[in-house]
PDB file of N, CA and C in Angstrom:
ATOM      1  N   UNK A   1     -80.662  71.204 177.681  1.00  0.00           N
ATOM      2  CA  UNK A   1     -80.528  70.348 176.512  1.00  0.00           C
ATOM      3  C   UNK A   1     -81.181  69.003 176.828  1.00  0.00           C
ATOM      4  N   UNK A   2     -81.955  68.505 175.893  1.00  0.00           N
ATOM      5  CA  UNK A   2     -82.652  67.228 176.051  1.00  0.00           C
ATOM      6  C   UNK A   2     -81.776  66.080 175.576  1.00  0.00           C
ATOM      7  N   UNK A   3     -82.118  64.883 176.043  1.00  0.00           N
ATOM      8  CA  UNK A   3     -81.417  63.678 175.607  1.00  0.00           C
ATOM      9  C   UNK A   3     -82.432  62.660 175.121  1.00  0.00           C
ATOM     10  N   UNK A   4     -81.982  61.821 174.199  1.00  0.00           N
ATOM     11  CA  UNK A   4     -82.855  60.784 173.694  1.00  0.00           C
ATOM     12  C   UNK A   4     -82.092  59.781 172.856  1.00  0.00           C
ATOM     13  N   UNK A   5     -82.875  58.912 172.205  1.00  0.00           N
ATOM     14  CA  UNK A   5     -82.312  57.840 171.388  1.00  0.00           C
ATOM     15  C   UNK A   5     -82.965  57.893 170.010  1.00  0.00           C
ATOM     16  N   UNK A   6     -82.167  57.689 168.987  1.00  0.00           N
ATOM     17  CA  UNK A   6     -82.676  57.691 167.613  1.00  0.00           C
ATOM     18  C   UNK A   6     -83.546  56.453 167.405  1.00  0.00           C
ATOM     19  N   UNK A   7     -84.808  56.686 167.054  1.00  0.00           N
ATOM     20  CA  UNK A   7     -85.722  55.586 166.736  1.00  0.00           C
ATOM     21  C   UNK A   7     -85.576  55.215 165.264  1.00  0.00           C
ATOM     22  N   UNK A   8     -85.508  56.245 164.426  1.00  0.00           N
ATOM     23  CA  UNK A   8     -85.341  56.005 162.991  1.00  0.00           C
ATOM     24  C   UNK A   8     -84.678  57.220 162.356  1.00  0.00           C
ATOM     25  N   UNK A   9     -84.000  56.972 161.245  1.00  0.00           N
ATOM     26  CA  UNK A   9     -83.372  58.060 160.495  1.00  0.00           C
ATOM     27  C   UNK A   9     -83.199  57.624 159.048  1.00  0.00           C
ATOM     28  N   UNK A  10     -83.641  58.467 158.130  1.00  0.00           N
ATOM     29  CA  UNK A  10     -83.486  58.209 156.703  1.00  0.00           C
ATOM     30  C   UNK A  10     -82.445  59.180 156.146  1.00  0.00           C
ATOM     31  N   UNK A  11     -81.236  58.692 155.836  1.00  0.00           N
ATOM     32  CA  UNK A  11     -80.183  59.586 155.348  1.00  0.00           C
ATOM     33  C   UNK A  11     -80.500  60.216 153.989  1.00  0.00           C
ATOM     34  N   UNK A  12     -81.397  59.603 153.226  1.00  0.00           N
ATOM     35  CA  UNK A  12     -81.760  60.158 151.920  1.00  0.00           C
ATOM     36  C   UNK A  12     -82.615  61.417 152.046  1.00  0.00           C
ATOM     37  N   UNK A  13     -83.540  61.416 153.006  1.00  0.00           N
ATOM     38  CA  UNK A  13     -84.425  62.572 153.186  1.00  0.00           C
ATOM     39  C   UNK A  13     -83.984  63.474 154.331  1.00  0.00           C
ATOM     40  N   UNK A  14     -83.236  62.908 155.295  1.00  0.00           N
ATOM     41  CA  UNK A  14     -82.841  63.669 156.479  1.00  0.00           C
ATOM     42  C   UNK A  14     -83.893  63.663 157.564  1.00  0.00           C
ATOM     43  N   UNK A  15     -85.006  62.965 157.353  1.00  0.00           N
ATOM     44  CA  UNK A  15     -86.071  62.857 158.349  1.00  0.00           C
ATOM     45  C   UNK A  15     -85.766  61.758 159.350  1.00  0.00           C
ATOM     46  N   UNK A  16     -86.271  61.935 160.559  1.00  0.00           N
ATOM     47  CA  UNK A  16     -86.103  60.903 161.564  1.00  0.00           C
ATOM     48  C   UNK A  16     -86.989  61.151 162.765  1.00  0.00           C
ATOM     49  N   UNK A  17     -86.900  60.235 163.714  1.00  0.00           N
ATOM     50  CA  UNK A  17     -87.650  60.339 164.964  1.00  0.00           C
ATOM     51  C   UNK A  17     -86.710  60.014 166.105  1.00  0.00           C
ATOM     52  N   UNK A  18     -86.789  60.821 167.163  1.00  0.00           N
ATOM     53  CA  UNK A  18     -85.995  60.604 168.369  1.00  0.00           C
ATOM     54  C   UNK A  18     -86.950  60.405 169.536  1.00  0.00           C
ATOM     55  N   UNK A  19     -86.660  59.434 170.391  1.00  0.00           N
ATOM     56  CA  UNK A  19     -87.465  59.173 171.580  1.00  0.00           C
ATOM     57  C   UNK A  19     -86.806  59.866 172.764  1.00  0.00           C
ATOM     58  N   UNK A  20     -87.565  60.744 173.426  1.00  0.00           N
ATOM     59  CA  UNK A  20     -87.058  61.479 174.582  1.00  0.00           C
ATOM     60  C   UNK A  20     -86.825  60.554 175.770  1.00  0.00           C
ATOM     61  N   UNK A  21     -85.732  60.776 176.495  1.00  0.00           N
ATOM     62  CA  UNK A  21     -85.450  60.003 177.704  1.00  0.00           C
ATOM     63  C   UNK A  21     -86.470  60.282 178.800  1.00  0.00           C
ATOM     64  N   UNK A  22     -86.927  61.530 178.900  1.00  0.00           N
ATOM     65  CA  UNK A  22     -87.766  61.941 180.025  1.00  0.00           C
ATOM     66  C   UNK A  22     -89.125  61.267 180.059  1.00  0.00           C
ATOM     67  N   UNK A  23     -89.847  61.277 178.944  1.00  0.00           N
ATOM     68  CA  UNK A  23     -91.206  60.726 178.956  1.00  0.00           C
ATOM     69  C   UNK A  23     -91.482  59.747 177.812  1.00  0.00           C
ATOM     70  N   UNK A  24     -90.449  59.373 177.094  1.00  0.00           N
ATOM     71  CA  UNK A  24     -90.533  58.406 175.985  1.00  0.00           C
ATOM     72  C   UNK A  24     -91.407  58.889 174.830  1.00  0.00           C
ATOM     73  N   UNK A  25     -91.669  60.200 174.764  1.00  0.00           N
ATOM     74  CA  UNK A  25     -92.422  60.728 173.626  1.00  0.00           C
ATOM     75  C   UNK A  25     -91.497  60.848 172.414  1.00  0.00           C
ATOM     76  N   UNK A  26     -92.106  60.959 171.240  1.00  0.00           N
ATOM     77  CA  UNK A  26     -91.344  61.038 170.000  1.00  0.00           C
ATOM     78  C   UNK A  26     -91.246  62.482 169.528  1.00  0.00           C
ATOM     79  N   UNK A  27     -90.062  62.852 169.041  1.00  0.00           N
ATOM     80  CA  UNK A  27     -89.807  64.188 168.522  1.00  0.00           C
ATOM     81  C   UNK A  27     -89.299  64.046 167.090  1.00  0.00           C
ATOM     82  N   UNK A  28     -89.784  64.905 166.218  1.00  0.00           N
ATOM     83  CA  UNK A  28     -89.441  64.865 164.798  1.00  0.00           C
ATOM     84  C   UNK A  28     -88.051  65.437 164.547  1.00  0.00           C
ATOM     85  N   UNK A  29     -87.286  64.745 163.744  1.00  0.00           N
ATOM     86  CA  UNK A  29     -85.969  65.206 163.302  1.00  0.00           C
ATOM     87  C   UNK A  29     -86.118  65.655 161.849  1.00  0.00           C
ATOM     88  N   UNK A  30     -86.051  66.955 161.632  1.00  0.00           N
ATOM     89  CA  UNK A  30     -86.292  67.521 160.305  1.00  0.00           C
ATOM     90  C   UNK A  30     -85.036  67.506 159.447  1.00  0.00           C
ATOM     91  N   UNK A  31     -85.211  67.528 158.126  1.00  0.00           N
ATOM     92  CA  UNK A  31     -84.054  67.654 157.241  1.00  0.00           C
ATOM     93  C   UNK A  31     -83.255  68.899 157.613  1.00  0.00           C
ATOM     94  N   UNK A  32     -81.941  68.772 157.617  1.00  0.00           N
ATOM     95  CA  UNK A  32     -81.083  69.902 157.959  1.00  0.00           C
ATOM     96  C   UNK A  32     -80.706  69.963 159.430  1.00  0.00           C
ATOM     97  N   UNK A  33     -81.262  69.068 160.255  1.00  0.00           N
ATOM     98  CA  UNK A  33     -80.953  69.084 161.689  1.00  0.00           C
ATOM     99  C   UNK A  33     -79.499  68.747 161.977  1.00  0.00           C
ATOM    100  N   UNK A  34     -78.842  68.039 161.069  1.00  0.00           N
ATOM    101  CA  UNK A  34     -77.428  67.697 161.256  1.00  0.00           C
ATOM    102  C   UNK A  34     -76.505  68.744 160.640  1.00  0.00           C
ATOM    103  N   UNK A  35     -77.086  69.763 160.013  1.00  0.00           N
ATOM    104  CA  UNK A  35     -76.286  70.808 159.381  1.00  0.00           C
ATOM    105  C   UNK A  35     -75.392  71.477 160.421  1.00  0.00           C
ATOM    106  N   UNK A  36     -74.116  71.607 160.106  1.00  0.00           N
ATOM    107  CA  UNK A  36     -73.164  72.199 161.033  1.00  0.00           C
ATOM    108  C   UNK A  36     -72.518  71.183 161.958  1.00  0.00           C
ATOM    109  N   UNK A  37     -73.016  69.960 161.945  1.00  0.00           N
ATOM    110  CA  UNK A  37     -72.449  68.886 162.761  1.00  0.00           C
ATOM    111  C   UNK A  37     -71.357  68.173 161.962  1.00  0.00           C
ATOM    112  N   UNK A  38     -70.406  67.569 162.672  1.00  0.00           N
ATOM    113  CA  UNK A  38     -69.391  66.783 161.968  1.00  0.00           C
ATOM    114  C   UNK A  38     -69.966  65.452 161.496  1.00  0.00           C
ATOM    115  N   UNK A  39     -71.147  65.090 162.001  1.00  0.00           N
ATOM    116  CA  UNK A  39     -71.794  63.840 161.626  1.00  0.00           C
ATOM    117  C   UNK A  39     -72.736  64.070 160.460  1.00  0.00           C
ATOM    118  N   UNK A  40     -72.791  63.127 159.550  1.00  0.00           N
ATOM    119  CA  UNK A  40     -73.650  63.239 158.377  1.00  0.00           C
ATOM    120  C   UNK A  40     -74.812  62.258 158.415  1.00  0.00           C
ATOM    121  N   UNK A  41     -74.789  61.336 159.361  1.00  0.00           N
ATOM    122  CA  UNK A  41     -75.861  60.355 159.465  1.00  0.00           C
ATOM    123  C   UNK A  41     -76.021  59.935 160.919  1.00  0.00           C
ATOM    124  N   UNK A  42     -77.143  59.313 161.212  1.00  0.00           N
ATOM    125  CA  UNK A  42     -77.425  58.769 162.541  1.00  0.00           C
ATOM    126  C   UNK A  42     -77.802  57.310 162.373  1.00  0.00           C
ATOM    127  N   UNK A  43     -77.679  56.548 163.444  1.00  0.00           N
ATOM    128  CA  UNK A  43     -78.089  55.142 163.376  1.00  0.00           C
ATOM    129  C   UNK A  43     -79.117  54.866 164.470  1.00  0.00           C
ATOM    130  N   UNK A  44     -79.965  53.905 164.226  1.00  0.00           N
ATOM    131  CA  UNK A  44     -80.992  53.526 165.186  1.00  0.00           C
ATOM    132  C   UNK A  44     -80.337  53.114 166.504  1.00  0.00           C
ATOM    133  N   UNK A  45     -80.876  53.614 167.618  1.00  0.00           N
ATOM    134  CA  UNK A  45     -80.351  53.285 168.936  1.00  0.00           C
ATOM    135  C   UNK A  45     -79.254  54.219 169.414  1.00  0.00           C
ATOM    136  N   UNK A  46     -78.814  55.134 168.568  1.00  0.00           N
ATOM    137  CA  UNK A  46     -77.741  56.065 168.931  1.00  0.00           C
ATOM    138  C   UNK A  46     -78.263  57.115 169.911  1.00  0.00           C
ATOM    139  N   UNK A  47     -77.489  57.380 170.966  1.00  0.00           N
ATOM    140  CA  UNK A  47     -77.845  58.387 171.970  1.00  0.00           C
ATOM    141  C   UNK A  47     -77.429  59.758 171.464  1.00  0.00           C
ATOM    142  N   UNK A  48     -78.345  60.735 171.615  1.00  0.00           N
ATOM    143  CA  UNK A  48     -78.089  62.093 171.144  1.00  0.00           C
ATOM    144  C   UNK A  48     -78.555  63.136 172.160  1.00  0.00           C
ATOM    145  N   UNK A  49     -77.947  64.303 172.105  1.00  0.00           N
ATOM    146  CA  UNK A  49     -78.346  65.481 172.872  1.00  0.00           C
ATOM    147  C   UNK A  49     -78.860  66.498 171.869  1.00  0.00           C
ATOM    148  N   UNK A  50     -79.848  67.289 172.262  1.00  0.00           N
ATOM    149  CA  UNK A  50     -80.449  68.222 171.312  1.00  0.00           C
ATOM    150  C   UNK A  50     -81.331  69.238 172.033  1.00  0.00           C
ATOM    151  N   UNK A  51     -81.733  70.237 171.285  1.00  0.00           N
ATOM    152  CA  UNK A  51     -82.718  71.208 171.750  1.00  0.00           C
ATOM    153  C   UNK A  51     -83.993  70.973 170.958  1.00  0.00           C
ATOM    154  N   UNK A  52     -85.123  71.322 171.562  1.00  0.00           N
ATOM    155  CA  UNK A  52     -86.409  71.154 170.889  1.00  0.00           C
ATOM    156  C   UNK A  52     -86.980  72.526 170.561  1.00  0.00           C
ATOM    157  N   UNK A  53     -87.379  72.674 169.305  1.00  0.00           N
ATOM    158  CA  UNK A  53     -87.987  73.921 168.835  1.00  0.00           C
ATOM    159  C   UNK A  53     -89.391  73.614 168.336  1.00  0.00           C
ATOM    160  N   UNK A  54     -90.331  74.474 168.642  1.00  0.00           N
ATOM    161  CA  UNK A  54     -91.707  74.299 168.181  1.00  0.00           C
ATOM    162  C   UNK A  54     -91.843  74.919 166.790  1.00  0.00           C
ATOM    163  N   UNK A  55     -92.086  74.066 165.794  1.00  0.00           N
ATOM    164  CA  UNK A  55     -92.272  74.534 164.412  1.00  0.00           C
ATOM    165  C   UNK A  55     -93.714  74.287 164.002  1.00  0.00           C
ATOM    166  N   UNK A  56     -94.485  75.349 163.986  1.00  0.00           N
ATOM    167  CA  UNK A  56     -95.897  75.259 163.593  1.00  0.00           C
ATOM    168  C   UNK A  56     -96.634  74.204 164.404  1.00  0.00           C
ATOM    169  N   UNK A  57     -96.379  74.184 165.715  1.00  0.00           N
ATOM    170  CA  UNK A  57     -97.059  73.256 166.613  1.00  0.00           C
ATOM    171  C   UNK A  57     -96.454  71.870 166.670  1.00  0.00           C
ATOM    172  N   UNK A  58     -95.356  71.653 165.961  1.00  0.00           N
ATOM    173  CA  UNK A  58     -94.706  70.336 165.949  1.00  0.00           C
ATOM    174  C   UNK A  58     -93.355  70.448 166.646  1.00  0.00           C
ATOM    175  N   UNK A  59     -93.156  69.705 167.761  1.00  0.00           N
ATOM    176  CA  UNK A  59     -91.838  69.721 168.413  1.00  0.00           C
ATOM    177  C   UNK A  59     -90.796  69.123 167.469  1.00  0.00           C
ATOM    178  N   UNK A  60     -89.735  69.871 167.217  1.00  0.00           N
ATOM    179  CA  UNK A  60     -88.723  69.472 166.242  1.00  0.00           C
ATOM    180  C   UNK A  60     -87.327  69.579 166.843  1.00  0.00           C
ATOM    181  N   UNK A  61     -86.489  68.589 166.567  1.00  0.00           N
ATOM    182  CA  UNK A  61     -85.113  68.551 167.067  1.00  0.00           C
ATOM    183  C   UNK A  61     -84.261  69.596 166.354  1.00  0.00           C
ATOM    184  N   UNK A  62     -83.445  70.312 167.140  1.00  0.00           N
ATOM    185  CA  UNK A  62     -82.498  71.291 166.616  1.00  0.00           C
ATOM    186  C   UNK A  62     -81.176  71.139 167.360  1.00  0.00           C
ATOM    187  N   UNK A  63     -80.098  71.619 166.771  1.00  0.00           N
ATOM    188  CA  UNK A  63     -78.772  71.628 167.418  1.00  0.00           C
ATOM    189  C   UNK A  63     -78.406  70.271 168.008  1.00  0.00           C
ATOM    190  N   UNK A  64     -78.495  69.259 167.186  1.00  0.00           N
ATOM    191  CA  UNK A  64     -78.242  67.886 167.646  1.00  0.00           C
ATOM    192  C   UNK A  64     -76.750  67.634 167.823  1.00  0.00           C
ATOM    193  N   UNK A  65     -76.443  66.901 168.874  1.00  0.00           N
ATOM    194  CA  UNK A  65     -75.065  66.485 169.160  1.00  0.00           C
ATOM    195  C   UNK A  65     -75.101  64.995 169.495  1.00  0.00           C
ATOM    196  N   UNK A  66     -74.032  64.333 169.194  1.00  0.00           N
ATOM    197  CA  UNK A  66     -73.949  62.901 169.425  1.00  0.00           C
ATOM    198  C   UNK A  66     -73.393  62.624 170.812  1.00  0.00           C
ATOM    199  N   UNK A  67     -73.974  61.615 171.484  1.00  0.00           N
ATOM    200  CA  UNK A  67     -73.425  61.156 172.751  1.00  0.00           C
ATOM    201  C   UNK A  67     -74.067  61.752 173.975  1.00  0.00           C
ATOM    202  N   UNK A  68     -73.449  61.460 175.115  1.00  0.00           N
ATOM    203  CA  UNK A  68     -73.927  61.903 176.420  1.00  0.00           C
ATOM    204  C   UNK A  68     -73.551  63.349 176.672  1.00  0.00           C
ATOM    205  N   UNK A  69     -74.291  63.992 177.565  1.00  0.00           N
ATOM    206  CA  UNK A  69     -73.986  65.355 177.986  1.00  0.00           C
ATOM    207  C   UNK A  69     -72.831  65.358 178.977  1.00  0.00           C
ATOM    208  N   UNK A  70     -72.555  64.202 179.586  1.00  0.00           N
ATOM    209  CA  UNK A  70     -71.494  64.081 180.594  1.00  0.00           C
ATOM    210  C   UNK A  70     -70.241  63.506 179.953  1.00  0.00           C
ATOM    211  N   UNK A  71     -69.098  64.058 180.286  1.00  0.00           N
ATOM    212  CA  UNK A  71     -67.830  63.560 179.721  1.00  0.00           C
ATOM    213  C   UNK A  71     -66.906  63.147 180.829  1.00  0.00           C
TER     214      UNK A  71
END
């Protein structure tokens, strides 16, 4: 599971961008990525855990969770 920080998120469209911790690259957050989560929105600077799926050549965030992987 990857970790990163929310760079931007638009709650109206569900689109956003997450910056990966590993190499500081940007990954697209597609509408519906929060589906099934107890969270309905994200805020800039929020730390998240997620999986990356390749959608038509575009790395896209899937299975997003809020917070650190360590408890």
